[in-house]
């Protein structure tokens, strides 16, 4: 890895930490906030690649936890990292996993007794499947797919 790429990764990570501090809105029924980071984190994978993108996003979120006084990396803190990591993976490259994961999410949702009663919510996960053929042609299609991938794991 060359010096230029390291500087780019450090710069991107620093900007991500700053973006985590910019609150856009509160999530209804929760004390959590939607931040500027949440809107732009998935694109990290297209700039840095899948592995470095995930590493950068995890670093941003861990530093943010420490900045807000959460020095205990418990299960709840770690599980909050998972949705964004999968959105980075989806946005980074087109692969068959982008088709498999929504299908598994639909099946898992409908297999749950409560999920069966509201089966129509599982139809949201058809969006990444419908956007897959347009992945390389449309940034909107790629963004929608990454967003619903993130929602799937959130």
Foldseek 3Di string as FASTA:
>chain_A
DDPVLVVVLVVVLVVLLVQVVAFDAPDPPDRDTDTSSNLPLLCLCQVNNLPSSLVSLVSSLVVNCVVVPNPDCDPVSVLLSPLSSQLNVLLNDQDCVLVVVLVVLLVVQCVDPVSVVVSVVSVLSCLSVVLNVCSVPDPVSSSSSSVVSSVSSD
